[in-house]
Amino acid sequence: MDSTMIHVCLQTEGAPRGDDHELGERWVCGCGDNFVYREGFNRAGYVCVEWWPAPAIPRPRRSMRRGLLFGQRKG
C-alpha cells in the first residue's frame, strides 16, 4: 500500500480515534492491513504522530518435528 494514500478502514466505526494512544501501538483493520501509531512525515513534510501502514508481525512457526512426514533427516 502506498503511504501517500488514505486508507478507508481508518474512517470506519472500528477504527481507533483520538490521540490517547501510545507510540508503537498496533491496530489491524477488518481487511487485514496493519497499522502502527508512530511519528512520521505527512504529505506537507511536517512531523506528525498518527496511524501509519506497517508490515505484519511475523509469528514463529510451530515445531518442525511435528510437520515432517517421515521424520528428521539423518546423515
N, C-alpha and C. Protein backbone atom coordinates (compact mmCIF):
# COMPACT_ATOMS: atom_id res chain seq x y z
N MET A 1 0.83 -1.17 0.00
CA MET A 1 0.00 0.00 0.00
C MET A 1 0.88 1.24 0.00
N ASP A 2 0.57 2.18 -0.84
CA ASP A 2 1.31 3.42 -0.94
C ASP A 2 1.07 4.27 0.31
N SER A 3 2.13 4.80 0.89
CA SER A 3 1.99 5.55 2.15
C SER A 3 1.31 6.90 1.96
N THR A 4 1.16 7.36 0.72
CA THR A 4 0.51 8.65 0.50
C THR A 4 -1.00 8.51 0.34
N MET A 5 -1.52 7.27 0.31
CA MET A 5 -2.95 7.06 0.16
C MET A 5 -3.64 7.05 1.53
N ILE A 6 -4.87 7.50 1.57
CA ILE A 6 -5.65 7.45 2.79
C ILE A 6 -6.38 6.11 2.82
N HIS A 7 -6.19 5.35 3.85
CA HIS A 7 -6.81 4.03 3.95
C HIS A 7 -8.25 4.19 4.43
N VAL A 8 -9.19 3.59 3.72
CA VAL A 8 -10.61 3.74 4.01
C VAL A 8 -10.95 3.17 5.38
N CYS A 9 -10.29 2.11 5.80
CA CYS A 9 -10.62 1.48 7.09
C CYS A 9 -10.37 2.41 8.28
N LEU A 10 -9.52 3.41 8.12
CA LEU A 10 -9.29 4.36 9.22
C LEU A 10 -10.49 5.27 9.43
N GLN A 11 -11.45 5.25 8.51
CA GLN A 11 -12.65 6.08 8.63
C GLN A 11 -13.87 5.29 9.12
N THR A 12 -13.73 4.00 9.37
CA THR A 12 -14.86 3.15 9.76
C THR A 12 -15.10 3.23 11.26
N GLU A 13 -16.17 2.57 11.73
CA GLU A 13 -16.55 2.60 13.14
C GLU A 13 -15.52 1.96 14.06
N GLY A 14 -14.91 0.87 13.63
CA GLY A 14 -13.97 0.14 14.49
C GLY A 14 -12.58 0.75 14.56
N ALA A 15 -12.34 1.79 13.80
CA ALA A 15 -11.01 2.40 13.76
C ALA A 15 -10.72 3.15 15.06
N PRO A 16 -9.46 3.18 15.49
CA PRO A 16 -9.11 3.93 16.70
C PRO A 16 -9.28 5.43 16.49
N ARG A 17 -9.72 6.11 17.51
CA ARG A 17 -9.98 7.56 17.44
C ARG A 17 -9.18 8.29 18.53
N GLY A 18 -8.97 9.55 18.33
CA GLY A 18 -8.34 10.39 19.34
C GLY A 18 -6.83 10.23 19.39
N ASP A 19 -6.23 10.96 20.31
CA ASP A 19 -4.78 10.97 20.45
C ASP A 19 -4.31 10.28 21.72
N ASP A 20 -5.14 9.46 22.33
CA ASP A 20 -4.78 8.83 23.60
C ASP A 20 -4.14 7.45 23.39
N HIS A 21 -3.34 7.31 22.34
CA HIS A 21 -2.67 6.05 22.04
C HIS A 21 -1.20 6.17 22.35
N GLU A 22 -0.56 5.05 22.69
CA GLU A 22 0.87 5.04 22.97
C GLU A 22 1.63 4.88 21.67
N LEU A 23 2.83 5.45 21.60
CA LEU A 23 3.67 5.28 20.43
C LEU A 23 4.03 3.80 20.31
N GLY A 24 3.95 3.27 19.12
CA GLY A 24 4.24 1.87 18.88
C GLY A 24 3.04 0.95 18.99
N GLU A 25 1.88 1.49 19.36
CA GLU A 25 0.67 0.68 19.47
C GLU A 25 0.26 0.23 18.07
N ARG A 26 -0.20 -1.02 17.95
CA ARG A 26 -0.59 -1.57 16.65
C ARG A 26 -2.08 -1.77 16.57
N TRP A 27 -2.61 -1.74 15.33
CA TRP A 27 -4.02 -1.99 15.07
C TRP A 27 -4.14 -2.71 13.74
N VAL A 28 -4.97 -3.75 13.69
CA VAL A 28 -5.23 -4.49 12.46
C VAL A 28 -6.68 -4.23 12.07
N CYS A 29 -6.90 -3.71 10.87
CA CYS A 29 -8.27 -3.41 10.44
C CYS A 29 -8.95 -4.68 9.92
N GLY A 30 -10.23 -4.56 9.63
CA GLY A 30 -11.02 -5.70 9.21
C GLY A 30 -10.54 -6.34 7.92
N CYS A 31 -9.92 -5.57 7.04
CA CYS A 31 -9.45 -6.13 5.76
C CYS A 31 -8.11 -6.82 5.89
N GLY A 32 -7.46 -6.72 7.08
CA GLY A 32 -6.20 -7.40 7.31
C GLY A 32 -4.97 -6.51 7.23
N ASP A 33 -5.13 -5.25 6.89
CA ASP A 33 -3.98 -4.34 6.86
C ASP A 33 -3.56 -3.98 8.28
N ASN A 34 -2.26 -3.81 8.48
CA ASN A 34 -1.70 -3.50 9.79
C ASN A 34 -1.27 -2.04 9.84
N PHE A 35 -1.47 -1.41 11.00
CA PHE A 35 -1.09 -0.03 11.21
C PHE A 35 -0.36 0.09 12.54
N VAL A 36 0.53 1.06 12.63
CA VAL A 36 1.23 1.35 13.88
C VAL A 36 1.12 2.85 14.13
N TYR A 37 0.92 3.22 15.41
CA TYR A 37 0.81 4.62 15.80
C TYR A 37 2.22 5.11 16.09
N ARG A 38 2.75 5.95 15.20
CA ARG A 38 4.13 6.39 15.33
C ARG A 38 4.30 7.79 14.75
N GLU A 39 5.49 8.33 14.93
CA GLU A 39 5.82 9.64 14.40
C GLU A 39 6.32 9.49 12.97
N GLY A 40 5.90 10.37 12.09
CA GLY A 40 6.34 10.33 10.70
C GLY A 40 6.08 11.66 10.03
N PHE A 41 6.40 11.73 8.76
CA PHE A 41 6.20 12.97 8.00
C PHE A 41 4.94 12.85 7.16
N ASN A 42 4.07 13.87 7.25
CA ASN A 42 2.84 13.86 6.45
C ASN A 42 3.14 14.37 5.04
N ARG A 43 2.11 14.50 4.22
CA ARG A 43 2.31 14.91 2.82
C ARG A 43 2.93 16.29 2.69
N ALA A 44 2.65 17.18 3.63
CA ALA A 44 3.19 18.54 3.58
C ALA A 44 4.63 18.61 4.07
N GLY A 45 5.14 17.51 4.63
CA GLY A 45 6.52 17.48 5.10
C GLY A 45 6.70 17.80 6.56
N TYR A 46 5.60 17.93 7.30
CA TYR A 46 5.68 18.22 8.73
C TYR A 46 5.65 16.92 9.53
N VAL A 47 6.30 16.95 10.67
CA VAL A 47 6.31 15.78 11.55
C VAL A 47 4.97 15.70 12.26
N CYS A 48 4.35 14.51 12.25
CA CYS A 48 3.09 14.31 12.94
C CYS A 48 3.06 12.89 13.51
N VAL A 49 2.23 12.70 14.52
CA VAL A 49 2.06 11.39 15.13
C VAL A 49 0.68 10.90 14.75
N GLU A 50 0.63 9.81 13.99
CA GLU A 50 -0.65 9.25 13.54
C GLU A 50 -0.47 7.79 13.16
N TRP A 51 -1.53 7.18 12.65
CA TRP A 51 -1.51 5.77 12.25
C TRP A 51 -0.86 5.64 10.88
N TRP A 52 0.17 4.79 10.78
CA TRP A 52 0.90 4.58 9.54
C TRP A 52 0.82 3.11 9.16
N PRO A 53 0.79 2.79 7.86
CA PRO A 53 0.81 1.37 7.44
C PRO A 53 2.10 0.70 7.90
N ALA A 54 1.99 -0.55 8.28
CA ALA A 54 3.14 -1.30 8.77
C ALA A 54 3.02 -2.76 8.35
N PRO A 55 4.15 -3.45 8.22
CA PRO A 55 4.07 -4.88 7.92
C PRO A 55 3.57 -5.66 9.13
N ALA A 56 3.02 -6.82 8.88
CA ALA A 56 2.53 -7.66 9.96
C ALA A 56 3.69 -8.19 10.78
N ILE A 57 3.45 -8.45 12.06
CA ILE A 57 4.47 -9.02 12.92
C ILE A 57 4.56 -10.51 12.63
N PRO A 58 5.75 -11.01 12.28
CA PRO A 58 5.86 -12.45 11.99
C PRO A 58 5.68 -13.27 13.25
N ARG A 59 4.99 -14.39 13.11
CA ARG A 59 4.80 -15.31 14.23
C ARG A 59 5.70 -16.51 14.03
N PRO A 60 6.34 -17.00 15.08
CA PRO A 60 7.22 -18.15 14.92
C PRO A 60 6.42 -19.40 14.51
N ARG A 61 7.04 -20.20 13.68
CA ARG A 61 6.39 -21.43 13.23
C ARG A 61 6.37 -22.45 14.36
N ARG A 62 5.46 -23.38 14.22
CA ARG A 62 5.42 -24.47 15.20
C ARG A 62 6.65 -25.35 15.02
N SER A 63 6.84 -26.26 15.91
CA SER A 63 7.98 -27.16 15.87
C SER A 63 8.01 -27.90 14.54
N MET A 64 9.16 -27.95 13.91
CA MET A 64 9.28 -28.60 12.61
C MET A 64 9.16 -30.13 12.75
N ARG A 65 9.43 -30.67 13.91
CA ARG A 65 9.38 -32.13 14.07
C ARG A 65 7.98 -32.66 13.83
N ARG A 66 6.97 -31.91 14.21
CA ARG A 66 5.60 -32.37 14.02
C ARG A 66 5.17 -32.30 12.55
N GLY A 67 5.75 -31.38 11.80
CA GLY A 67 5.33 -31.18 10.43
C GLY A 67 5.96 -32.13 9.43
N LEU A 68 6.99 -32.86 9.83
CA LEU A 68 7.66 -33.75 8.89
C LEU A 68 6.87 -35.03 8.70
N LEU A 69 6.80 -35.47 7.46
CA LEU A 69 6.03 -36.66 7.14
C LEU A 69 6.77 -37.93 7.53
N PHE A 70 8.06 -37.99 7.26
CA PHE A 70 8.83 -39.20 7.50
C PHE A 70 9.87 -39.06 8.61
N GLY A 71 9.85 -37.99 9.36
CA GLY A 71 10.82 -37.81 10.43
C GLY A 71 12.00 -36.97 9.96
N GLN A 72 12.95 -36.77 10.85
CA GLN A 72 14.10 -35.94 10.54
C GLN A 72 15.08 -36.66 9.64
N ARG A 73 15.89 -35.87 8.91
CA ARG A 73 16.94 -36.45 8.08
C ARG A 73 18.06 -36.92 8.96
N LYS A 74 18.74 -37.96 8.52
CA LYS A 74 19.91 -38.45 9.24
C LYS A 74 21.05 -38.55 8.24
N GLY A 75 22.20 -38.09 8.67
CA GLY A 75 23.32 -38.25 7.77
C GLY A 75 24.07 -37.06 7.60
